[in-house]
């Protein structure tokens, strides 16, 4: 079994939302969602980015925007901003749950590639603590606190505005060029993350925000869970021009598994087989090269296809890549080695 390292999951949010006993949900599973310890082990997934994310207030108009995304074209407005105090409190709650899981000895919060590989060798799940939308940060001192806790990856925005910048709305078909880039505070945040060697995640940023990070950061440009806009014209996917920016820094894109961002028709509905993924992978490989493509599932945060309904199904994706003609060395790069390479070049500069 080829191992997998994953660029994004929302397991911690599901864990807290469910309100169940975190230790039993993790260790035994509860039959919901996409991830738990048994399913990670069954699928060969030895680690990944575990996201801290603060939920948005409900839309006041009462419209079911997820249902609307099943029938493109659609344009979901940006969610209202999350108050910083509420974001901080929620993300600390998620982190507390993760720390409780670490105490079981089944996972390790990792701060270096060597720690990731040590956890892999010991049979523990290697966790990168990632913040998806910087609502958990009020000032530079708070960033340093998170860094001491173990934060090693940060996306300045989710798909809503905050004090640091502007996310892309969920629209299809549409361009990711959707407004201004980073604010002055956002540019300061990016510079400080760069100094602390915290990976900066481009996922959910609009075009100008990505261009701002490209100007400020000296690290490889990374989008942890995105796709190719040329294949599926969602605002959440990267245009060829954006991929060229990433390629120029020898950066990386983790392929998002979300059905609505990979289907060519943009519908938020499951599909059979792996053809949409293979089309995205082919395009990303063409634009980024064999060292610039990885996986970024969005497990527990998105609608999955029928044949990859949970982490234990990952061997089916590996088999599909083989059948598509990818060699073993390339599959290993996409599955985990490229993540180790870009993380080492980001954290150990």
Protein backbone atom coordinates (compact mmCIF):
# COMPACT_ATOMS: atom_id res chain seq x y z
CA UNK A 1 0.00 0.00 0.00
CA UNK A 2 1.38 3.40 -0.98
CA UNK A 3 1.08 5.75 2.01
CA UNK A 4 -0.79 9.06 1.78
CA UNK A 5 -0.14 12.43 3.38
CA UNK A 6 -3.08 14.78 3.01
CA UNK A 7 -3.21 18.55 2.57
CA UNK A 8 -6.50 19.28 4.34
CA UNK A 9 -9.24 17.86 6.51
CA UNK A 10 -11.96 19.31 8.77
CA UNK A 11 -12.14 16.39 11.19
CA UNK A 12 -11.73 18.59 14.29
CA UNK A 13 -14.76 20.68 13.36
CA UNK A 14 -16.86 17.55 12.84
CA UNK A 15 -15.62 16.16 16.14
CA UNK A 16 -16.74 19.23 18.07
CA UNK A 17 -20.00 19.69 16.14
CA UNK A 18 -21.08 16.10 16.78
CA UNK A 19 -20.84 16.63 20.52
CA UNK A 20 -19.86 12.99 21.03
CA UNK A 21 -16.99 11.73 23.19
CA UNK A 22 -13.92 12.79 21.14
CA UNK A 23 -11.73 9.89 22.19
CA UNK A 24 -14.19 7.20 21.15
CA UNK A 25 -15.09 8.95 17.88
CA UNK A 26 -11.40 9.11 17.02
CA UNK A 27 -10.36 5.65 18.19
CA UNK A 28 -13.40 3.64 17.13
CA UNK A 29 -15.41 5.78 14.70
CA UNK A 30 -19.11 6.54 14.94
CA UNK A 31 -20.21 5.74 11.38
CA UNK A 32 -20.30 9.38 10.26
CA UNK A 33 -18.00 11.64 8.31
CA UNK A 34 -14.90 10.64 6.41
CA UNK A 35 -12.11 10.30 8.96
CA UNK A 36 -11.28 8.43 12.15
CA UNK A 37 -8.27 6.43 13.25
CA UNK A 38 -9.41 3.04 11.89
CA UNK A 39 -10.29 4.50 8.48
CA UNK A 40 -7.03 6.44 8.23
CA UNK A 41 -5.07 3.28 8.90
CA UNK A 42 -7.17 1.22 6.50
CA UNK A 43 -6.58 3.77 3.73
CA UNK A 44 -2.85 4.16 4.34
CA UNK A 45 -3.14 7.83 5.33
CA UNK A 46 -0.39 8.44 7.87
CA UNK A 47 -0.95 12.14 8.39
CA UNK A 48 -2.02 15.51 7.10
CA UNK A 49 -3.10 19.07 7.78
CA UNK A 50 -5.83 19.18 10.47
CA UNK A 51 -7.71 22.46 10.13
CA UNK A 52 -8.88 24.93 12.75
CA UNK A 53 -11.88 26.76 11.31
CA UNK A 54 -14.57 29.00 12.81
CA UNK A 55 -18.08 28.46 11.40
CA UNK A 56 -19.91 31.38 9.83
CA UNK A 57 -23.25 32.74 11.06
CA UNK A 58 -26.23 31.27 9.21
CA UNK A 59 -27.38 33.17 6.14
CA UNK A 60 -30.24 35.47 7.13
CA UNK A 61 -32.25 34.85 3.94
CA UNK A 62 -32.91 31.21 4.81
CA UNK A 63 -31.79 29.98 1.39
CA UNK A 64 -30.16 26.55 1.28
CA UNK A 65 -26.99 27.53 -0.53
CA UNK A 66 -25.62 24.00 -0.58
CA UNK A 67 -28.71 22.87 -2.50
CA UNK A 68 -28.33 25.80 -4.89
CA UNK A 69 -24.80 24.60 -5.69
CA UNK A 70 -26.27 21.39 -7.08
CA UNK A 71 -27.61 23.29 -10.11
CA UNK A 72 -25.09 25.74 -11.59
CA UNK A 73 -24.75 28.48 -12.42
CA UNK A 74 -24.77 29.75 -8.86
CA UNK A 75 -23.32 32.63 -6.88
CA UNK A 76 -23.18 32.25 -3.12
CA UNK A 77 -22.50 35.58 -1.39
CA UNK A 78 -19.61 35.83 1.00
CA UNK A 79 -20.54 34.86 4.54
CA UNK A 80 -20.56 37.51 7.24
CA UNK A 81 -17.28 38.03 9.10
CA UNK A 82 -16.69 36.06 12.29
CA UNK A 83 -15.89 38.22 15.35
CA UNK A 84 -12.27 37.68 16.36
CA UNK A 85 -13.08 36.81 19.99
CA UNK A 86 -15.52 34.12 18.84
CA UNK A 87 -12.99 32.79 16.32
CA UNK A 88 -10.25 32.56 18.94
CA UNK A 89 -12.50 30.79 21.43
CA UNK A 90 -13.70 28.25 18.88
CA UNK A 91 -10.24 27.46 17.55
CA UNK A 92 -8.90 26.94 21.07
CA UNK A 93 -11.78 24.52 21.63
CA UNK A 94 -10.76 22.56 18.53
CA UNK A 95 -7.12 22.60 19.62
CA UNK A 96 -8.04 21.32 23.06
CA UNK A 97 -9.79 18.36 21.44
CA UNK A 98 -6.70 17.67 19.33
CA UNK A 99 -4.42 17.82 22.37
CA UNK A 100 -6.66 15.30 24.12
CA UNK A 101 -6.26 12.97 21.14
CA UNK A 102 -2.49 13.43 21.23
CA UNK A 103 -2.48 12.24 24.85
CA UNK A 104 -3.73 8.85 23.65
CA UNK A 105 -0.43 8.26 21.85
CA UNK A 106 -2.14 7.61 18.51
CA UNK A 107 -1.15 10.92 16.88
CA UNK A 108 1.55 13.55 17.13
CA UNK A 109 1.36 17.28 16.43
CA UNK A 110 4.45 17.75 14.24
CA UNK A 111 6.60 20.83 13.83
CA UNK A 112 9.16 19.48 11.35
CA UNK A 113 9.46 16.94 8.58
CA UNK A 114 11.67 14.80 10.80
CA UNK A 115 8.86 14.69 13.38
CA UNK A 116 6.38 13.70 10.65
CA UNK A 117 8.61 10.85 9.51
CA UNK A 118 9.23 9.74 13.10
CA UNK A 119 5.49 9.59 13.75
CA UNK A 120 5.04 7.62 10.52
CA UNK A 121 7.71 5.12 11.58
CA UNK A 122 6.10 4.76 15.01
CA UNK A 123 2.62 4.16 13.60
CA UNK A 124 1.21 7.45 14.90
CA UNK A 125 -0.84 9.84 12.74
CA UNK A 126 1.32 12.88 11.91
CA UNK A 127 -0.69 16.09 12.35
CA UNK A 128 0.15 19.53 11.02
CA UNK A 129 -1.84 22.13 12.96
CA UNK A 130 -3.35 24.42 10.32
CA UNK A 131 -5.54 27.52 10.64
CA UNK A 132 -8.09 27.97 7.83
CA UNK A 133 -8.97 31.65 8.04
CA UNK A 134 -7.01 33.71 10.55
CA UNK A 135 -9.99 34.60 12.77
CA UNK A 136 -8.05 32.89 15.58
CA UNK A 137 -5.47 35.69 15.59
CA UNK A 138 -5.98 39.16 17.00
CA UNK A 139 -2.41 40.52 16.81
CA UNK A 140 1.21 39.42 16.19
CA UNK A 141 1.56 38.23 19.80
CA UNK A 142 -1.35 35.83 19.25
CA UNK A 143 0.40 34.44 16.16
CA UNK A 144 3.47 33.72 18.28
CA UNK A 145 1.30 31.96 20.87
CA UNK A 146 -0.19 29.73 18.19
CA UNK A 147 3.30 29.03 16.84
CA UNK A 148 4.40 27.87 20.30
CA UNK A 149 1.36 25.59 20.51
CA UNK A 150 2.42 24.03 17.22
CA UNK A 151 0.78 26.00 14.37
CA UNK A 152 2.84 25.49 11.23
CA UNK A 153 0.36 26.34 8.44
CA UNK A 154 -2.05 29.23 8.00
CA UNK A 155 -4.49 30.43 5.37
CA UNK A 156 -5.18 34.14 5.95
CA UNK A 157 -8.83 33.80 4.87
CA UNK A 158 -11.56 31.27 4.35
CA UNK A 159 -14.30 32.15 1.80
CA UNK A 160 -15.32 35.31 3.63
CA UNK A 161 -13.62 38.60 4.43
CA UNK A 162 -11.75 39.27 7.65
CA UNK A 163 -9.33 41.90 8.89
CA UNK A 164 -6.53 40.30 6.86
CA UNK A 165 -8.06 39.96 3.40
CA UNK A 166 -10.80 38.69 1.15
CA UNK A 167 -11.77 35.16 0.23
CA UNK A 168 -13.35 33.91 -2.95
CA UNK A 169 -17.14 33.42 -2.86
CA UNK A 170 -18.53 30.07 -3.95
CA UNK A 171 -19.45 30.78 -7.58
CA UNK A 172 -19.60 28.70 -10.77
CA UNK A 173 -18.64 29.43 -13.44
CA UNK A 174 -16.57 32.41 -12.34
CA UNK A 175 -13.09 33.82 -12.03
CA UNK A 176 -11.14 33.96 -8.73
CA UNK A 177 -10.45 37.63 -9.50
CA UNK A 178 -13.08 38.81 -7.03
CA UNK A 179 -11.97 42.02 -5.38
CA UNK A 180 -9.08 43.51 -3.41
CA UNK A 181 -6.22 41.49 -1.98
CA UNK A 182 -4.68 41.51 1.49
CA UNK A 183 -5.24 44.40 3.85
CA UNK A 184 -2.31 46.16 5.53
CA UNK A 185 -2.83 43.88 8.54
CA UNK A 186 -2.87 40.89 6.20
CA UNK A 187 0.44 41.85 4.65
CA UNK A 188 1.97 42.21 8.12
CA UNK A 189 0.59 38.79 9.06
CA UNK A 190 2.08 37.20 5.93
CA UNK A 191 5.49 38.78 6.60
CA UNK A 192 5.47 37.50 10.19
CA UNK A 193 4.38 34.00 9.13
CA UNK A 194 7.22 34.03 6.62
CA UNK A 195 9.67 35.00 9.36
CA UNK A 196 8.40 32.22 11.64
CA UNK A 197 8.47 29.72 8.75
CA UNK A 198 4.72 29.11 8.96
CA UNK A 199 3.45 27.77 5.63
CA UNK A 200 1.08 30.22 3.93
CA UNK A 201 -1.91 28.51 2.32
CA UNK A 202 -3.34 30.09 -0.84
CA UNK A 203 -6.58 28.07 -0.80
CA UNK A 204 -9.69 30.31 -0.49
CA UNK A 205 -7.73 33.50 -1.32
CA UNK A 206 -8.76 35.58 -4.29
CA UNK A 207 -6.43 36.37 -7.16
CA UNK A 208 -5.05 39.62 -5.75
CA UNK A 209 -4.48 38.06 -2.33
CA UNK A 210 -2.39 35.31 -3.91
CA UNK A 211 -0.43 37.90 -5.86
CA UNK A 212 0.21 39.80 -2.59
CA UNK A 213 1.61 36.68 -0.92
CA UNK A 214 3.79 36.01 -3.97
CA UNK A 215 5.31 39.47 -3.58
CA UNK A 216 5.89 39.21 0.19
CA UNK A 217 6.84 35.61 0.91
CA UNK A 218 10.15 33.96 0.15
CA UNK A 219 8.71 30.47 0.58
CA UNK A 220 7.36 28.11 -2.07
CA UNK A 221 3.77 29.04 -2.89
CA UNK A 222 1.35 26.34 -1.72
CA UNK A 223 -2.38 25.78 -2.07
CA UNK A 224 -3.28 22.90 0.21
CA UNK A 225 -6.63 21.93 -1.34
CA UNK A 226 -7.51 23.32 -4.76
CA UNK A 227 -7.99 22.22 -8.36
CA UNK A 228 -7.43 23.42 -11.90
CA UNK A 229 -9.74 26.19 -13.09
CA UNK A 230 -9.17 25.07 -16.67
CA UNK A 231 -10.93 21.80 -15.81
CA UNK A 232 -13.62 23.11 -13.48
CA UNK A 233 -14.36 26.85 -13.54
CA UNK A 234 -14.99 27.30 -9.82
CA UNK A 235 -13.65 30.35 -8.02
CA UNK A 236 -11.99 27.90 -5.61
CA UNK A 237 -9.75 26.56 -8.38
CA UNK A 238 -6.52 28.01 -9.71
CA UNK A 239 -6.15 29.57 -13.13
CA UNK A 240 -3.19 28.75 -15.35
CA UNK A 241 -1.72 32.18 -14.52
CA UNK A 242 -1.90 31.36 -10.81
CA UNK A 243 -0.35 27.96 -11.43
CA UNK A 244 2.51 29.69 -13.24
CA UNK A 245 3.12 31.84 -10.14
CA UNK A 246 3.25 28.69 -8.01
CA UNK A 247 5.50 26.86 -10.46
CA UNK A 248 7.97 29.77 -10.50
CA UNK A 249 8.61 29.19 -6.78
CA UNK A 250 8.72 25.38 -7.13
CA UNK A 251 5.53 25.35 -5.07
CA UNK A 252 2.76 22.80 -4.77
CA UNK A 253 -1.00 22.26 -5.11
CA UNK A 254 -2.88 19.58 -3.20
CA UNK A 255 -5.81 18.27 -5.24
CA UNK A 256 -9.15 18.92 -3.53
CA UNK A 257 -11.47 15.89 -3.61
CA UNK A 258 -14.67 17.96 -3.24
CA UNK A 259 -17.15 16.91 -5.94
CA UNK A 260 -18.34 20.46 -6.64
CA UNK A 261 -14.81 21.73 -7.31
CA UNK A 262 -13.69 18.81 -9.47
CA UNK A 263 -16.72 18.09 -11.67
CA UNK A 264 -16.52 19.90 -15.00
CA UNK A 265 -20.17 20.92 -14.64
CA UNK A 266 -19.57 22.35 -11.16
CA UNK A 267 -22.43 20.43 -9.53
CA UNK A 268 -22.13 19.70 -5.83
CA UNK A 269 -23.13 16.06 -6.30
CA UNK A 270 -21.27 12.75 -6.00
CA UNK A 271 -19.95 11.01 -9.09
CA UNK A 272 -18.71 7.52 -9.92
CA UNK A 273 -15.12 6.69 -10.75
CA UNK A 274 -12.10 8.97 -10.77
CA UNK A 275 -12.07 10.63 -14.20
CA UNK A 276 -12.56 14.18 -12.83
CA UNK A 277 -9.59 13.77 -10.48
CA UNK A 278 -7.38 12.40 -13.24
CA UNK A 279 -8.21 15.35 -15.50
CA UNK A 280 -7.21 17.76 -12.72
CA UNK A 281 -4.05 15.80 -11.95
CA UNK A 282 -3.04 15.72 -15.62
CA UNK A 283 -3.48 19.49 -15.91
CA UNK A 284 -1.69 20.23 -12.65
CA UNK A 285 1.21 17.98 -13.65
CA UNK A 286 1.46 19.77 -17.00
CA UNK A 287 1.63 23.19 -15.31
CA UNK A 288 3.56 22.37 -12.11
CA UNK A 289 5.66 19.33 -12.97
CA UNK A 290 5.92 16.04 -11.13
CA UNK A 291 7.28 17.71 -7.97
CA UNK A 292 4.45 20.23 -7.67
CA UNK A 293 1.33 18.08 -7.27
CA UNK A 294 -0.05 16.39 -4.15
CA UNK A 295 -3.36 15.52 -2.48
CA UNK A 296 -5.56 17.79 -0.33
CA UNK A 297 -8.75 15.87 0.31
CA UNK A 298 -11.05 18.24 2.26
CA UNK A 299 -12.35 15.16 4.09
CA UNK A 300 -15.06 16.02 6.62
CA UNK A 301 -15.49 19.39 4.94
CA UNK A 302 -16.98 18.64 1.52
CA UNK A 303 -19.14 16.34 -0.58
CA UNK A 304 -17.08 13.30 -1.61
CA UNK A 305 -17.63 11.10 -4.70
CA UNK A 306 -19.16 7.65 -4.44
CA UNK A 307 -15.90 5.73 -4.89
CA UNK A 308 -13.93 7.85 -2.41
CA UNK A 309 -16.55 8.24 0.30
CA UNK A 310 -14.09 8.03 3.20
CA UNK A 311 -10.38 7.80 4.00
CA UNK A 312 -10.37 4.00 3.86
CA UNK A 313 -11.15 4.25 0.12
CA UNK A 314 -7.84 5.93 -0.74
CA UNK A 315 -6.34 2.74 -2.25
CA UNK A 316 -9.01 3.05 -4.98
CA UNK A 317 -7.59 6.43 -5.98
CA UNK A 318 -4.07 4.97 -6.02
CA UNK A 319 -5.33 2.14 -8.26
CA UNK A 320 -6.99 4.65 -10.60
CA UNK A 321 -3.70 6.55 -10.97
CA UNK A 322 -1.95 3.28 -11.85
CA UNK A 323 -4.61 2.40 -14.41
CA UNK A 324 -4.27 5.91 -15.86
CA UNK A 325 -0.61 5.22 -16.58
CA UNK A 326 1.15 6.97 -13.70
CA UNK A 327 4.28 5.10 -12.61
CA UNK A 328 4.96 4.07 -9.02
CA UNK A 329 7.53 6.82 -8.45
CA UNK A 330 5.09 9.52 -9.60
CA UNK A 331 2.26 8.08 -7.51
CA UNK A 332 4.49 8.14 -4.44
CA UNK A 333 5.38 11.77 -5.13
CA UNK A 334 1.74 12.78 -5.46
CA UNK A 335 0.65 10.66 -2.49
CA UNK A 336 3.18 11.89 0.06
CA UNK A 337 6.76 12.61 -0.99
CA UNK A 338 6.05 16.00 -2.58
CA UNK A 339 4.48 17.18 0.68
CA UNK A 340 7.63 16.22 2.59
CA UNK A 341 9.79 18.08 0.08
CA UNK A 342 7.83 21.35 0.07
CA UNK A 343 7.41 21.32 3.85
CA UNK A 344 11.14 20.90 4.35
CA UNK A 345 11.87 23.74 1.92
CA UNK A 346 9.31 25.94 3.71
CA UNK A 347 10.13 25.19 7.34
CA UNK A 348 13.90 24.80 7.05
CA UNK A 349 14.83 27.80 4.93
